[in-house]
Amino acid sequence: MKNIIVSQFIVLLVGTVFAWGNFSYELYLWLNRQACTIGCYATTGSLVNPFFTPCFYGALFFLTAFILSCFLLRLQLKK
């Protein structure tokens, strides 16, 4: 069981870093008034507020799942 929890922790860590990195890049482009060409709204090519994109909400859900995984791992390590 411990191996599954550690694997989950690592996958969620990588996913969280990737999601927030993608959101940060979109935010950087939006603040510099550049259209994001590789992000969540690449097809529109317009300036879209990154806080209203699926990337932001995905990053929030990844962060929530990662935090819950941290608590689960901590409980498993205490046993």
C-alpha atoms as a PDB file:
ATOM      1  CA  MET A   1       0.000   0.000   0.000  1.00  0.00           C
ATOM      2  CA  LYS A   2       2.853   2.353   0.780  1.00  0.00           C
ATOM      3  CA  ASN A   3       4.257   1.989  -2.767  1.00  0.00           C
ATOM      4  CA  ILE A   4       0.909   2.999  -4.260  1.00  0.00           C
ATOM      5  CA  ILE A   5       0.694   6.089  -2.057  1.00  0.00           C
ATOM      6  CA  VAL A   6       4.260   7.115  -2.903  1.00  0.00           C
ATOM      7  CA  SER A   7       3.583   6.589  -6.621  1.00  0.00           C
ATOM      8  CA  GLN A   8       0.419   8.666  -6.355  1.00  0.00           C
ATOM      9  CA  PHE A   9       2.371  11.394  -4.564  1.00  0.00           C
ATOM     10  CA  ILE A  10       5.018  11.510  -7.303  1.00  0.00           C
ATOM     11  CA  VAL A  11       2.483  11.544 -10.155  1.00  0.00           C
ATOM     12  CA  LEU A  12       0.495  14.330  -8.506  1.00  0.00           C
ATOM     13  CA  LEU A  13       3.675  16.287  -7.794  1.00  0.00           C
ATOM     14  CA  VAL A  14       4.718  16.143 -11.457  1.00  0.00           C
ATOM     15  CA  GLY A  15       1.190  16.984 -12.602  1.00  0.00           C
ATOM     16  CA  THR A  16       0.949  19.926 -10.218  1.00  0.00           C
ATOM     17  CA  VAL A  17       4.283  21.358 -11.317  1.00  0.00           C
ATOM     18  CA  PHE A  18       3.322  20.949 -14.977  1.00  0.00           C
ATOM     19  CA  ALA A  19      -0.138  22.492 -14.501  1.00  0.00           C
ATOM     20  CA  TRP A  20       1.119  25.508 -12.569  1.00  0.00           C
ATOM     21  CA  GLY A  21       3.996  25.935 -15.013  1.00  0.00           C
ATOM     22  CA  ASN A  22       1.555  26.037 -17.909  1.00  0.00           C
ATOM     23  CA  PHE A  23      -0.699  28.477 -16.063  1.00  0.00           C
ATOM     24  CA  SER A  24       2.287  30.671 -15.133  1.00  0.00           C
ATOM     25  CA  TYR A  25       3.347  30.802 -18.770  1.00  0.00           C
ATOM     26  CA  GLU A  26      -0.163  31.805 -19.838  1.00  0.00           C
ATOM     27  CA  LEU A  27      -0.268  34.450 -17.108  1.00  0.00           C
ATOM     28  CA  TYR A  28       3.114  35.807 -18.211  1.00  0.00           C
ATOM     29  CA  LEU A  29       1.943  36.096 -21.807  1.00  0.00           C
ATOM     30  CA  TRP A  30      -1.336  37.690 -20.771  1.00  0.00           C
ATOM     31  CA  LEU A  31       0.420  40.278 -18.580  1.00  0.00           C
ATOM     32  CA  ASN A  32       2.726  41.147 -21.493  1.00  0.00           C
ATOM     33  CA  ARG A  33      -0.260  41.482 -23.856  1.00  0.00           C
ATOM     34  CA  GLN A  34       0.751  38.544 -26.010  1.00  0.00           C
ATOM     35  CA  ALA A  35      -1.620  35.885 -27.293  1.00  0.00           C
ATOM     36  CA  CYS A  36      -0.881  32.402 -25.996  1.00  0.00           C
ATOM     37  CA  THR A  37      -0.244  30.081 -28.920  1.00  0.00           C
ATOM     38  CA  ILE A  38       0.447  26.811 -27.070  1.00  0.00           C
ATOM     39  CA  GLY A  39      -1.797  27.026 -23.986  1.00  0.00           C
ATOM     40  CA  CYS A  40      -5.369  26.058 -23.252  1.00  0.00           C
ATOM     41  CA  TYR A  41      -6.894  28.613 -25.602  1.00  0.00           C
ATOM     42  CA  ALA A  42      -4.405  28.315 -28.456  1.00  0.00           C
ATOM     43  CA  THR A  43      -7.173  28.011 -31.037  1.00  0.00           C
ATOM     44  CA  THR A  44      -8.624  31.473 -30.377  1.00  0.00           C
ATOM     45  CA  GLY A  45      -5.324  33.325 -30.593  1.00  0.00           C
ATOM     46  CA  SER A  46      -6.783  36.177 -28.564  1.00  0.00           C
ATOM     47  CA  LEU A  47      -6.009  37.589 -25.158  1.00  0.00           C
ATOM     48  CA  VAL A  48      -7.992  35.485 -22.701  1.00  0.00           C
ATOM     49  CA  ASN A  49      -7.767  36.090 -18.978  1.00  0.00           C
ATOM     50  CA  PRO A  50      -5.837  33.015 -17.743  1.00  0.00           C
ATOM     51  CA  PHE A  51      -7.888  32.884 -14.542  1.00  0.00           C
ATOM     52  CA  PHE A  52     -10.910  31.917 -16.657  1.00  0.00           C
ATOM     53  CA  THR A  53      -9.197  29.113 -18.567  1.00  0.00           C
ATOM     54  CA  PRO A  54      -9.445  25.380 -17.897  1.00  0.00           C
ATOM     55  CA  CYS A  55      -5.690  25.395 -17.176  1.00  0.00           C
ATOM     56  CA  PHE A  56      -6.223  27.430 -14.014  1.00  0.00           C
ATOM     57  CA  TYR A  57      -9.022  25.201 -12.746  1.00  0.00           C
ATOM     58  CA  GLY A  58      -7.020  22.088 -13.612  1.00  0.00           C
ATOM     59  CA  ALA A  59      -4.045  23.467 -11.697  1.00  0.00           C
ATOM     60  CA  LEU A  60      -6.283  24.110  -8.680  1.00  0.00           C
ATOM     61  CA  PHE A  61      -7.647  20.564  -8.756  1.00  0.00           C
ATOM     62  CA  PHE A  62      -4.149  19.115  -9.140  1.00  0.00           C
ATOM     63  CA  LEU A  63      -2.995  21.190  -6.173  1.00  0.00           C
ATOM     64  CA  THR A  64      -5.951  20.021  -4.076  1.00  0.00           C
ATOM     65  CA  ALA A  65      -5.314  16.375  -4.954  1.00  0.00           C
ATOM     66  CA  PHE A  66      -1.591  16.815  -4.231  1.00  0.00           C
ATOM     67  CA  ILE A  67      -2.291  18.306  -0.798  1.00  0.00           C
ATOM     68  CA  LEU A  68      -4.641  15.437   0.043  1.00  0.00           C
ATOM     69  CA  SER A  69      -1.971  13.012  -1.149  1.00  0.00           C
ATOM     70  CA  CYS A  70       0.554  14.703   1.168  1.00  0.00           C
ATOM     71  CA  PHE A  71      -1.750  14.144   4.131  1.00  0.00           C
ATOM     72  CA  LEU A  72      -2.313  10.530   3.107  1.00  0.00           C
ATOM     73  CA  LEU A  73       1.421   9.920   2.747  1.00  0.00           C
ATOM     74  CA  ARG A  74       2.096  11.541   6.101  1.00  0.00           C
ATOM     75  CA  LEU A  75      -0.483   9.300   7.778  1.00  0.00           C
ATOM     76  CA  GLN A  76       1.004   6.222   6.103  1.00  0.00           C
ATOM     77  CA  LEU A  77       4.535   7.124   7.214  1.00  0.00           C
ATOM     78  CA  LYS A  78       3.433   7.598  10.839  1.00  0.00           C
ATOM     79  CA  LYS A  79       2.218   3.987  11.006  1.00  0.00           C
END
